Full PDB file with SEQRES, HELIX, SHEET, SSBOND, CRYST1, ORIGX, SCALE, CONECT and MASTER records, all heavy atoms in Angstrom:
SEQRES   1 A   39  GLU LEU THR ALA ARG LEU GLY ASP PHE SER GLU ARG GLY          
SEQRES   2 A   39  VAL VAL ARG LYS SER GLY GLN THR LEU ALA ASP LEU MET          
SEQRES   3 A   39  GLN GLU ARG CYS PRO LEU TYR GLU LYS TYR ALA HIS LEU          
HELIX    1 AA1 LEU A    2  LEU A    6  1                                   5    
HELIX    2 AA2 PHE A    9  GLU A   11  5                                   3    
HELIX    3 AA3 LEU A   22  TYR A   36  1                                  15    
CRYST1    1.000    1.000    1.000  90.00  90.00  90.00 P 1           1          
ORIGX1      1.000000  0.000000  0.000000        0.00000                         
ORIGX2      0.000000  1.000000  0.000000        0.00000                         
ORIGX3      0.000000  0.000000  1.000000        0.00000                         
SCALE1      1.000000  0.000000  0.000000        0.00000                         
SCALE2      0.000000  1.000000  0.000000        0.00000                         
SCALE3      0.000000  0.000000  1.000000        0.00000                         
ATOM      1  N   GLU A   1       0.896  -1.193   0.043  1.00  0.00           N  
ATOM      2  CA  GLU A   1       0.002   0.055   0.016  1.00  0.00           C  
ATOM      3  C   GLU A   1       0.832   1.293   0.003  1.00  0.00           C  
ATOM      4  O   GLU A   1       0.591   2.231  -0.672  1.00  0.00           O  
ATOM      5  CB  GLU A   1      -0.922   0.001   1.208  1.00  0.00           C  
ATOM      6  CG  GLU A   1      -1.841   1.206   1.283  1.00  0.00           C  
ATOM      7  CD  GLU A   1      -3.215   0.903   0.769  1.00  0.00           C  
ATOM      8  OE1 GLU A   1      -3.549  -0.255   0.426  1.00  0.00           O  
ATOM      9  OE2 GLU A   1      -4.054   1.889   0.808  1.00  0.00           O  
ATOM     10  N   LEU A   2       1.964   1.286   0.788  1.00  0.00           N  
ATOM     11  CA  LEU A   2       2.790   2.395   0.799  1.00  0.00           C  
ATOM     12  C   LEU A   2       3.506   2.600  -0.505  1.00  0.00           C  
ATOM     13  O   LEU A   2       3.726   3.795  -1.007  1.00  0.00           O  
ATOM     14  CB  LEU A   2       3.857   2.217   1.947  1.00  0.00           C  
ATOM     15  CG  LEU A   2       3.383   2.561   3.349  1.00  0.00           C  
ATOM     16  CD1 LEU A   2       4.420   2.200   4.401  1.00  0.00           C  
ATOM     17  CD2 LEU A   2       3.068   4.041   3.472  1.00  0.00           C  
ATOM     18  N   THR A   3       3.973   1.497  -1.178  1.00  0.00           N  
ATOM     19  CA  THR A   3       4.586   1.594  -2.443  1.00  0.00           C  
ATOM     20  C   THR A   3       3.609   2.221  -3.383  1.00  0.00           C  
ATOM     21  O   THR A   3       4.031   3.185  -4.145  1.00  0.00           O  
ATOM     22  CB  THR A   3       5.025   0.190  -2.873  1.00  0.00           C  
ATOM     23  OG1 THR A   3       5.935  -0.277  -1.947  1.00  0.00           O  
ATOM     24  CG2 THR A   3       5.774   0.294  -4.304  1.00  0.00           C  
ATOM     25  N   ALA A   4       2.409   1.794  -3.452  1.00  0.00           N  
ATOM     26  CA  ALA A   4       1.378   2.379  -4.326  1.00  0.00           C  
ATOM     27  C   ALA A   4       1.147   3.894  -4.021  1.00  0.00           C  
ATOM     28  O   ALA A   4       0.992   4.613  -5.024  1.00  0.00           O  
ATOM     29  CB  ALA A   4       0.068   1.569  -4.164  1.00  0.00           C  
ATOM     30  N   ARG A   5       1.179   4.283  -2.805  1.00  0.00           N  
ATOM     31  CA  ARG A   5       0.990   5.641  -2.485  1.00  0.00           C  
ATOM     32  C   ARG A   5       2.210   6.535  -2.786  1.00  0.00           C  
ATOM     33  O   ARG A   5       2.075   7.657  -3.214  1.00  0.00           O  
ATOM     34  CB  ARG A   5       0.693   5.846  -0.954  1.00  0.00           C  
ATOM     35  CG  ARG A   5      -0.695   5.383  -0.544  1.00  0.00           C  
ATOM     36  CD  ARG A   5      -0.822   5.711   0.800  1.00  0.00           C  
ATOM     37  NE  ARG A   5      -2.199   5.156   1.324  1.00  0.00           N  
ATOM     38  CZ  ARG A   5      -2.803   5.643   2.363  1.00  0.00           C  
ATOM     39  NH1 ARG A   5      -2.194   6.543   3.164  1.00  0.00           N  
ATOM     40  NH2 ARG A   5      -3.919   5.081   2.786  1.00  0.00           N  
ATOM     41  N   LEU A   6       3.432   6.009  -2.508  1.00  0.00           N  
ATOM     42  CA  LEU A   6       4.643   6.796  -2.599  1.00  0.00           C  
ATOM     43  C   LEU A   6       5.271   6.829  -3.996  1.00  0.00           C  
ATOM     44  O   LEU A   6       5.910   7.746  -4.347  1.00  0.00           O  
ATOM     45  CB  LEU A   6       5.643   6.368  -1.544  1.00  0.00           C  
ATOM     46  CG  LEU A   6       5.415   6.596  -0.085  1.00  0.00           C  
ATOM     47  CD1 LEU A   6       6.450   5.940   0.751  1.00  0.00           C  
ATOM     48  CD2 LEU A   6       5.382   8.113   0.159  1.00  0.00           C  
ATOM     49  N   GLY A   7       5.171   5.682  -4.698  1.00  0.00           N  
ATOM     50  CA  GLY A   7       5.917   5.556  -5.922  1.00  0.00           C  
ATOM     51  C   GLY A   7       7.376   5.550  -5.539  1.00  0.00           C  
ATOM     52  O   GLY A   7       7.794   4.797  -4.602  1.00  0.00           O  
ATOM     53  N   ASP A   8       8.188   6.326  -6.252  1.00  0.00           N  
ATOM     54  CA  ASP A   8       9.608   6.423  -5.881  1.00  0.00           C  
ATOM     55  C   ASP A   8       9.810   7.307  -4.722  1.00  0.00           C  
ATOM     56  O   ASP A   8       9.775   8.570  -4.786  1.00  0.00           O  
ATOM     57  CB  ASP A   8      10.374   7.010  -7.127  1.00  0.00           C  
ATOM     58  CG  ASP A   8      11.851   7.057  -6.880  1.00  0.00           C  
ATOM     59  OD1 ASP A   8      12.360   6.538  -5.857  1.00  0.00           O  
ATOM     60  OD2 ASP A   8      12.547   7.676  -7.632  1.00  0.00           O  
ATOM     61  N   PHE A   9      10.045   6.681  -3.508  1.00  0.00           N  
ATOM     62  CA  PHE A   9      10.127   7.563  -2.317  1.00  0.00           C  
ATOM     63  C   PHE A   9      11.497   8.164  -2.129  1.00  0.00           C  
ATOM     64  O   PHE A   9      11.678   8.956  -1.201  1.00  0.00           O  
ATOM     65  CB  PHE A   9       9.699   6.723  -1.105  1.00  0.00           C  
ATOM     66  CG  PHE A   9      10.764   5.894  -0.412  1.00  0.00           C  
ATOM     67  CD1 PHE A   9      11.106   6.151   0.889  1.00  0.00           C  
ATOM     68  CD2 PHE A   9      11.475   4.936  -1.129  1.00  0.00           C  
ATOM     69  CE1 PHE A   9      12.037   5.389   1.547  1.00  0.00           C  
ATOM     70  CE2 PHE A   9      12.432   4.178  -0.525  1.00  0.00           C  
ATOM     71  CZ  PHE A   9      12.751   4.351   0.848  1.00  0.00           C  
ATOM     72  N   SER A  10      12.365   7.982  -3.079  1.00  0.00           N  
ATOM     73  CA  SER A  10      13.759   8.594  -3.026  1.00  0.00           C  
ATOM     74  C   SER A  10      13.640  10.171  -3.138  1.00  0.00           C  
ATOM     75  O   SER A  10      14.529  10.874  -2.720  1.00  0.00           O  
ATOM     76  CB  SER A  10      14.687   7.963  -3.979  1.00  0.00           C  
ATOM     77  OG  SER A  10      14.271   8.340  -5.325  1.00  0.00           O  
ATOM     78  N   GLU A  11      12.495  10.580  -3.756  1.00  0.00           N  
ATOM     79  CA  GLU A  11      12.311  11.970  -3.948  1.00  0.00           C  
ATOM     80  C   GLU A  11      11.863  12.750  -2.689  1.00  0.00           C  
ATOM     81  O   GLU A  11      11.891  13.902  -2.616  1.00  0.00           O  
ATOM     82  CB  GLU A  11      11.322  12.276  -5.080  1.00  0.00           C  
ATOM     83  CG  GLU A  11      11.808  11.669  -6.467  1.00  0.00           C  
ATOM     84  CD  GLU A  11      13.112  12.318  -6.921  1.00  0.00           C  
ATOM     85  OE1 GLU A  11      13.274  13.560  -6.873  1.00  0.00           O  
ATOM     86  OE2 GLU A  11      14.040  11.535  -7.284  1.00  0.00           O  
ATOM     87  N   ARG A  12      11.434  12.038  -1.687  1.00  0.00           N  
ATOM     88  CA  ARG A  12      10.900  12.635  -0.423  1.00  0.00           C  
ATOM     89  C   ARG A  12      12.057  12.768   0.472  1.00  0.00           C  
ATOM     90  O   ARG A  12      13.066  12.082   0.338  1.00  0.00           O  
ATOM     91  CB  ARG A  12       9.836  11.693   0.285  1.00  0.00           C  
ATOM     92  CG  ARG A  12       8.547  11.714  -0.515  1.00  0.00           C  
ATOM     93  CD  ARG A  12       7.592  10.716   0.170  1.00  0.00           C  
ATOM     94  NE  ARG A  12       7.006  11.318   1.421  1.00  0.00           N  
ATOM     95  CZ  ARG A  12       5.705  11.525   1.543  1.00  0.00           C  
ATOM     96  NH1 ARG A  12       4.840  11.262   0.703  1.00  0.00           N  
ATOM     97  NH2 ARG A  12       5.276  11.975   2.764  1.00  0.00           N  
ATOM     98  N   GLY A  13      11.915  13.758   1.376  1.00  0.00           N  
ATOM     99  CA  GLY A  13      13.000  13.947   2.427  1.00  0.00           C  
ATOM    100  C   GLY A  13      12.860  12.922   3.465  1.00  0.00           C  
ATOM    101  O   GLY A  13      12.440  13.222   4.633  1.00  0.00           O  
ATOM    102  N   VAL A  14      13.284  11.680   3.158  1.00  0.00           N  
ATOM    103  CA  VAL A  14      13.219  10.576   4.115  1.00  0.00           C  
ATOM    104  C   VAL A  14      14.537  10.183   4.645  1.00  0.00           C  
ATOM    105  O   VAL A  14      15.498   9.996   3.851  1.00  0.00           O  
ATOM    106  CB  VAL A  14      12.568   9.332   3.352  1.00  0.00           C  
ATOM    107  CG1 VAL A  14      12.536   8.115   4.274  1.00  0.00           C  
ATOM    108  CG2 VAL A  14      11.156   9.718   2.879  1.00  0.00           C  
ATOM    109  N   VAL A  15      14.669  10.154   6.032  1.00  0.00           N  
ATOM    110  CA  VAL A  15      15.886   9.691   6.563  1.00  0.00           C  
ATOM    111  C   VAL A  15      16.046   8.250   6.383  1.00  0.00           C  
ATOM    112  O   VAL A  15      15.231   7.386   6.862  1.00  0.00           O  
ATOM    113  CB  VAL A  15      15.965  10.039   8.095  1.00  0.00           C  
ATOM    114  CG1 VAL A  15      17.132   9.413   8.739  1.00  0.00           C  
ATOM    115  CG2 VAL A  15      15.861  11.526   8.325  1.00  0.00           C  
ATOM    116  N   ARG A  16      17.105   7.800   5.702  1.00  0.00           N  
ATOM    117  CA  ARG A  16      17.367   6.391   5.436  1.00  0.00           C  
ATOM    118  C   ARG A  16      18.860   6.186   5.024  1.00  0.00           C  
ATOM    119  O   ARG A  16      19.493   7.119   4.527  1.00  0.00           O  
ATOM    120  CB  ARG A  16      16.486   5.848   4.380  1.00  0.00           C  
ATOM    121  CG  ARG A  16      16.642   6.437   3.015  1.00  0.00           C  
ATOM    122  CD  ARG A  16      15.482   5.948   2.061  1.00  0.00           C  
ATOM    123  NE  ARG A  16      15.645   6.763   0.798  1.00  0.00           N  
ATOM    124  CZ  ARG A  16      16.002   6.150  -0.402  1.00  0.00           C  
ATOM    125  NH1 ARG A  16      16.335   4.862  -0.407  1.00  0.00           N  
ATOM    126  NH2 ARG A  16      16.157   6.796  -1.436  1.00  0.00           N  
ATOM    127  N   LYS A  17      19.248   4.983   5.231  1.00  0.00           N  
ATOM    128  CA  LYS A  17      20.646   4.659   4.853  1.00  0.00           C  
ATOM    129  C   LYS A  17      20.781   4.488   3.377  1.00  0.00           C  
ATOM    130  O   LYS A  17      19.762   4.103   2.735  1.00  0.00           O  
ATOM    131  CB  LYS A  17      21.103   3.326   5.598  1.00  0.00           C  
ATOM    132  CG  LYS A  17      21.065   3.470   7.118  1.00  0.00           C  
ATOM    133  CD  LYS A  17      21.313   2.149   7.753  1.00  0.00           C  
ATOM    134  CE  LYS A  17      21.187   2.182   9.206  1.00  0.00           C  
ATOM    135  NZ  LYS A  17      19.829   2.277   9.656  1.00  0.00           N  
ATOM    136  N   SER A  18      21.955   4.732   2.827  1.00  0.00           N  
ATOM    137  CA  SER A  18      22.143   4.608   1.423  1.00  0.00           C  
ATOM    138  C   SER A  18      21.742   3.228   0.893  1.00  0.00           C  
ATOM    139  O   SER A  18      22.153   2.204   1.540  1.00  0.00           O  
ATOM    140  CB  SER A  18      23.571   4.882   1.102  1.00  0.00           C  
ATOM    141  OG  SER A  18      23.803   4.713  -0.233  1.00  0.00           O  
ATOM    142  N   GLY A  19      20.887   3.147  -0.159  1.00  0.00           N  
ATOM    143  CA  GLY A  19      20.570   1.836  -0.670  1.00  0.00           C  
ATOM    144  C   GLY A  19      19.336   1.165   0.052  1.00  0.00           C  
ATOM    145  O   GLY A  19      18.887   0.052  -0.303  1.00  0.00           O  
ATOM    146  N   GLN A  20      18.903   1.794   1.086  1.00  0.00           N  
ATOM    147  CA  GLN A  20      17.832   1.169   1.988  1.00  0.00           C  
ATOM    148  C   GLN A  20      16.516   1.205   1.153  1.00  0.00           C  
ATOM    149  O   GLN A  20      16.161   2.337   0.749  1.00  0.00           O  
ATOM    150  CB  GLN A  20      17.667   1.910   3.307  1.00  0.00           C  
ATOM    151  CG  GLN A  20      16.936   1.113   4.311  1.00  0.00           C  
ATOM    152  CD  GLN A  20      17.062   1.860   5.700  1.00  0.00           C  
ATOM    153  OE1 GLN A  20      17.075   3.016   5.853  1.00  0.00           O  
ATOM    154  NE2 GLN A  20      17.085   1.017   6.731  1.00  0.00           N  
ATOM    155  N   THR A  21      15.828   0.195   1.074  1.00  0.00           N  
ATOM    156  CA  THR A  21      14.525   0.116   0.301  1.00  0.00           C  
ATOM    157  C   THR A  21      13.402   0.431   1.302  1.00  0.00           C  
ATOM    158  O   THR A  21      13.636   0.541   2.522  1.00  0.00           O  
ATOM    159  CB  THR A  21      14.225  -1.264  -0.206  1.00  0.00           C  
ATOM    160  OG1 THR A  21      14.141  -2.178   0.895  1.00  0.00           O  
ATOM    161  CG2 THR A  21      15.368  -1.759  -1.211  1.00  0.00           C  
ATOM    162  N   LEU A  22      12.262   0.650   0.741  1.00  0.00           N  
ATOM    163  CA  LEU A  22      11.058   0.940   1.600  1.00  0.00           C  
ATOM    164  C   LEU A  22      10.786  -0.212   2.572  1.00  0.00           C  
ATOM    165  O   LEU A  22      10.572  -0.035   3.768  1.00  0.00           O  
ATOM    166  CB  LEU A  22       9.796   1.191   0.770  1.00  0.00           C  
ATOM    167  CG  LEU A  22       8.626   1.506   1.449  1.00  0.00           C  
ATOM    168  CD1 LEU A  22       8.714   2.800   2.264  1.00  0.00           C  
ATOM    169  CD2 LEU A  22       7.435   1.722   0.472  1.00  0.00           C  
ATOM    170  N   ALA A  23      10.932  -1.426   2.055  1.00  0.00           N  
ATOM    171  CA  ALA A  23      10.747  -2.617   2.891  1.00  0.00           C  
ATOM    172  C   ALA A  23      11.812  -2.738   3.989  1.00  0.00           C  
ATOM    173  O   ALA A  23      11.507  -2.991   5.161  1.00  0.00           O  
ATOM    174  CB  ALA A  23      10.897  -3.903   2.036  1.00  0.00           C  
ATOM    175  N   ASP A  24      13.008  -2.314   3.692  1.00  0.00           N  
ATOM    176  CA  ASP A  24      14.112  -2.330   4.695  1.00  0.00           C  
ATOM    177  C   ASP A  24      13.789  -1.223   5.818  1.00  0.00           C  
ATOM    178  O   ASP A  24      13.916  -1.514   6.994  1.00  0.00           O  
ATOM    179  CB  ASP A  24      15.441  -1.916   4.165  1.00  0.00           C  
ATOM    180  CG  ASP A  24      15.959  -2.922   3.150  1.00  0.00           C  
ATOM    181  OD1 ASP A  24      15.592  -4.105   3.178  1.00  0.00           O  
ATOM    182  OD2 ASP A  24      16.800  -2.494   2.326  1.00  0.00           O  
ATOM    183  N   LEU A  25      13.316  -0.099   5.378  1.00  0.00           N  
ATOM    184  CA  LEU A  25      12.969   1.047   6.234  1.00  0.00           C  
ATOM    185  C   LEU A  25      11.791   0.549   7.197  1.00  0.00           C  
ATOM    186  O   LEU A  25      11.806   0.856   8.370  1.00  0.00           O  
ATOM    187  CB  LEU A  25      12.661   2.227   5.464  1.00  0.00           C  
ATOM    188  CG  LEU A  25      12.621   3.559   6.259  1.00  0.00           C  
ATOM    189  CD1 LEU A  25      13.998   3.826   6.842  1.00  0.00           C  
ATOM    190  CD2 LEU A  25      12.239   4.760   5.285  1.00  0.00           C  
ATOM    191  N   MET A  26      10.844  -0.053   6.597  1.00  0.00           N  
ATOM    192  CA  MET A  26       9.686  -0.514   7.372  1.00  0.00           C  
ATOM    193  C   MET A  26      10.104  -1.564   8.414  1.00  0.00           C  
ATOM    194  O   MET A  26       9.658  -1.485   9.526  1.00  0.00           O  
ATOM    195  CB  MET A  26       8.592  -1.113   6.394  1.00  0.00           C  
ATOM    196  CG  MET A  26       7.870  -0.094   5.667  1.00  0.00           C  
ATOM    197  SD  MET A  26       6.541  -0.888   4.632  1.00  0.00           S  
ATOM    198  CE  MET A  26       5.319  -1.264   5.966  1.00  0.00           C  
ATOM    199  N   GLN A  27      10.989  -2.484   8.004  1.00  0.00           N  
ATOM    200  CA  GLN A  27      11.437  -3.482   9.010  1.00  0.00           C  
ATOM    201  C   GLN A  27      12.174  -2.830  10.209  1.00  0.00           C  
ATOM    202  O   GLN A  27      12.103  -3.272  11.240  1.00  0.00           O  
ATOM    203  CB  GLN A  27      12.470  -4.475   8.196  1.00  0.00           C  
ATOM    204  CG  GLN A  27      12.848  -5.660   9.046  1.00  0.00           C  
ATOM    205  CD  GLN A  27      13.521  -6.660   8.171  1.00  0.00           C  
ATOM    206  OE1 GLN A  27      14.053  -6.367   7.112  1.00  0.00           O  
ATOM    207  NE2 GLN A  27      13.594  -7.875   8.711  1.00  0.00           N  
ATOM    208  N   GLU A  28      12.884  -1.719   9.875  1.00  0.00           N  
ATOM    209  CA  GLU A  28      13.542  -1.031  10.968  1.00  0.00           C  
ATOM    210  C   GLU A  28      12.637  -0.186  11.814  1.00  0.00           C  
ATOM    211  O   GLU A  28      12.738  -0.164  13.110  1.00  0.00           O  
ATOM    212  CB  GLU A  28      14.593  -0.082  10.292  1.00  0.00           C  
ATOM    213  CG  GLU A  28      15.528   0.755  11.168  1.00  0.00           C  
ATOM    214  CD  GLU A  28      16.460   1.572  10.431  1.00  0.00           C  
ATOM    215  OE1 GLU A  28      17.350   0.966   9.764  1.00  0.00           O  
ATOM    216  OE2 GLU A  28      16.372   2.799  10.483  1.00  0.00           O  
ATOM    217  N   ARG A  29      11.628   0.452  11.189  1.00  0.00           N  
ATOM    218  CA  ARG A  29      10.846   1.436  11.993  1.00  0.00           C  
ATOM    219  C   ARG A  29       9.593   0.786  12.571  1.00  0.00           C  
ATOM    220  O   ARG A  29       9.097   1.259  13.633  1.00  0.00           O  
ATOM    221  CB  ARG A  29      10.383   2.558  11.070  1.00  0.00           C  
ATOM    222  CG  ARG A  29      11.491   3.519  10.650  1.00  0.00           C  
ATOM    223  CD  ARG A  29      11.028   4.678   9.821  1.00  0.00           C  
ATOM    224  NE  ARG A  29      12.078   5.577   9.410  1.00  0.00           N  
ATOM    225  CZ  ARG A  29      11.815   6.664   8.707  1.00  0.00           C  
ATOM    226  NH1 ARG A  29      10.620   7.000   8.279  1.00  0.00           N  
ATOM    227  NH2 ARG A  29      12.826   7.400   8.324  1.00  0.00           N  
ATOM    228  N   CYS A  30       8.960  -0.170  11.923  1.00  0.00           N  
ATOM    229  CA  CYS A  30       7.672  -0.649  12.430  1.00  0.00           C  
ATOM    230  C   CYS A  30       7.748  -1.103  13.956  1.00  0.00           C  
ATOM    231  O   CYS A  30       6.794  -0.800  14.690  1.00  0.00           O  
ATOM    232  CB  CYS A  30       7.077  -1.697  11.525  1.00  0.00           C  
ATOM    233  SG  CYS A  30       6.529  -1.016   9.964  1.00  0.00           S  
ATOM    234  N   PRO A  31       8.799  -1.755  14.360  1.00  0.00           N  
ATOM    235  CA  PRO A  31       8.910  -2.185  15.791  1.00  0.00           C  
ATOM    236  C   PRO A  31       8.893  -0.920  16.684  1.00  0.00           C  
ATOM    237  O   PRO A  31       8.369  -0.962  17.832  1.00  0.00           O  
ATOM    238  CB  PRO A  31      10.152  -2.919  15.959  1.00  0.00           C  
ATOM    239  CG  PRO A  31      10.471  -3.399  14.558  1.00  0.00           C  
ATOM    240  CD  PRO A  31       9.917  -2.384  13.610  1.00  0.00           C  
ATOM    241  N   LEU A  32       9.419   0.205  16.222  1.00  0.00           N  
ATOM    242  CA  LEU A  32       9.436   1.428  16.998  1.00  0.00           C  
ATOM    243  C   LEU A  32       7.994   2.041  17.066  1.00  0.00           C  
ATOM    244  O   LEU A  32       7.562   2.544  18.100  1.00  0.00           O  
ATOM    245  CB  LEU A  32      10.463   2.441  16.430  1.00  0.00           C  
ATOM    246  CG  LEU A  32      11.913   1.975  16.567  1.00  0.00           C  
ATOM    247  CD1 LEU A  32      12.807   2.985  15.740  1.00  0.00           C  
ATOM    248  CD2 LEU A  32      12.346   1.948  18.041  1.00  0.00           C  
ATOM    249  N   TYR A  33       7.344   2.040  15.877  1.00  0.00           N  
ATOM    250  CA  TYR A  33       5.916   2.520  15.866  1.00  0.00           C  
ATOM    251  C   TYR A  33       5.092   1.697  16.870  1.00  0.00           C  
ATOM    252  O   TYR A  33       4.325   2.344  17.598  1.00  0.00           O  
ATOM    253  CB  TYR A  33       5.301   2.423  14.519  1.00  0.00           C  
ATOM    254  CG  TYR A  33       6.019   3.347  13.435  1.00  0.00           C  
ATOM    255  CD1 TYR A  33       6.313   2.790  12.204  1.00  0.00           C  
ATOM    256  CD2 TYR A  33       6.375   4.611  13.663  1.00  0.00           C  
ATOM    257  CE1 TYR A  33       6.865   3.570  11.188  1.00  0.00           C  
ATOM    258  CE2 TYR A  33       6.954   5.424  12.713  1.00  0.00           C  
ATOM    259  CZ  TYR A  33       7.224   4.858  11.504  1.00  0.00           C  
ATOM    260  OH  TYR A  33       7.822   5.563  10.496  1.00  0.00           O  
ATOM    261  N   GLU A  34       5.244   0.441  16.827  1.00  0.00           N  
ATOM    262  CA  GLU A  34       4.504  -0.538  17.714  1.00  0.00           C  
ATOM    263  C   GLU A  34       4.822  -0.188  19.130  1.00  0.00           C  
ATOM    264  O   GLU A  34       3.931  -0.226  20.065  1.00  0.00           O  
ATOM    265  CB  GLU A  34       4.678  -1.909  17.313  1.00  0.00           C  
ATOM    266  CG  GLU A  34       3.980  -2.164  16.059  1.00  0.00           C  
ATOM    267  CD  GLU A  34       4.435  -3.551  15.389  1.00  0.00           C  
ATOM    268  OE1 GLU A  34       5.157  -4.320  16.005  1.00  0.00           O  
ATOM    269  OE2 GLU A  34       4.126  -3.718  14.210  1.00  0.00           O  
ATOM    270  N   LYS A  35       6.117   0.032  19.432  1.00  0.00           N  
ATOM    271  CA  LYS A  35       6.575   0.271  20.829  1.00  0.00           C  
ATOM    272  C   LYS A  35       5.916   1.541  21.372  1.00  0.00           C  
ATOM    273  O   LYS A  35       5.500   1.505  22.573  1.00  0.00           O  
ATOM    274  CB  LYS A  35       8.110   0.450  20.832  1.00  0.00           C  
ATOM    275  CG  LYS A  35       8.628   0.917  22.127  1.00  0.00           C  
ATOM    276  CD  LYS A  35      10.183   1.181  21.982  1.00  0.00           C  
ATOM    277  CE  LYS A  35      10.766   1.712  23.272  1.00  0.00           C  
ATOM    278  NZ  LYS A  35      12.178   2.000  23.180  1.00  0.00           N  
ATOM    279  N   TYR A  36       5.800   2.569  20.610  1.00  0.00           N  
ATOM    280  CA  TYR A  36       5.310   3.871  21.160  1.00  0.00           C  
ATOM    281  C   TYR A  36       3.884   4.028  21.133  1.00  0.00           C  
ATOM    282  O   TYR A  36       3.264   4.957  21.747  1.00  0.00           O  
ATOM    283  CB  TYR A  36       6.082   4.984  20.511  1.00  0.00           C  
ATOM    284  CG  TYR A  36       7.492   5.099  20.914  1.00  0.00           C  
ATOM    285  CD1 TYR A  36       8.558   4.972  19.985  1.00  0.00           C  
ATOM    286  CD2 TYR A  36       7.878   5.393  22.252  1.00  0.00           C  
ATOM    287  CE1 TYR A  36       9.929   5.020  20.316  1.00  0.00           C  
ATOM    288  CE2 TYR A  36       9.302   5.404  22.591  1.00  0.00           C  
ATOM    289  CZ  TYR A  36      10.227   5.238  21.574  1.00  0.00           C  
ATOM    290  OH  TYR A  36      11.556   5.286  21.957  1.00  0.00           O  
ATOM    291  N   ALA A  37       3.162   3.339  20.275  1.00  0.00           N  
ATOM    292  CA  ALA A  37       1.700   3.537  20.015  1.00  0.00           C  
ATOM    293  C   ALA A  37       0.859   3.094  21.086  1.00  0.00           C  
ATOM    294  O   ALA A  37       1.092   1.998  21.689  1.00  0.00           O  
ATOM    295  CB  ALA A  37       1.283   2.850  18.684  1.00  0.00           C  
ATOM    296  N   HIS A  38      -0.091   3.920  21.526  1.00  0.00           N  
ATOM    297  CA  HIS A  38      -1.141   3.503  22.484  1.00  0.00           C  
ATOM    298  C   HIS A  38      -2.219   2.746  21.659  1.00  0.00           C  
ATOM    299  O   HIS A  38      -2.821   1.794  22.166  1.00  0.00           O  
ATOM    300  CB  HIS A  38      -1.756   4.669  23.099  1.00  0.00           C  
ATOM    301  CG  HIS A  38      -0.945   5.484  24.095  1.00  0.00           C  
ATOM    302  ND1 HIS A  38      -0.433   6.684  23.824  1.00  0.00           N  
ATOM    303  CD2 HIS A  38      -0.420   5.120  25.263  1.00  0.00           C  
ATOM    304  CE1 HIS A  38       0.282   7.103  24.829  1.00  0.00           C  
ATOM    305  NE2 HIS A  38       0.313   6.140  25.719  1.00  0.00           N  
ATOM    306  N   LEU A  39      -2.462   3.182  20.400  1.00  0.00           N  
ATOM    307  CA  LEU A  39      -3.465   2.574  19.529  1.00  0.00           C  
ATOM    308  C   LEU A  39      -2.863   2.391  18.220  1.00  0.00           C  
ATOM    309  O   LEU A  39      -2.077   3.225  17.726  1.00  0.00           O  
ATOM    310  CB  LEU A  39      -4.693   3.511  19.386  1.00  0.00           C  
ATOM    311  CG  LEU A  39      -5.413   3.922  20.685  1.00  0.00           C  
ATOM    312  CD1 LEU A  39      -6.456   5.009  20.304  1.00  0.00           C  
ATOM    313  CD2 LEU A  39      -6.064   2.754  21.322  1.00  0.00           C  
TER     314      LEU A  39                                                      
MASTER        0    0    0    3    0    0    0    6  313    1    0    3          
END                                                                             
């Protein structure tokens, strides 16, 4: 769903490591979102 919405996300001001894909970024960030979310 994110890929469909974003298309090429390299054009956005996104903090990510060189060569990091959207899937890689999600794998890194999703546990943090889950950690901090109340809902």
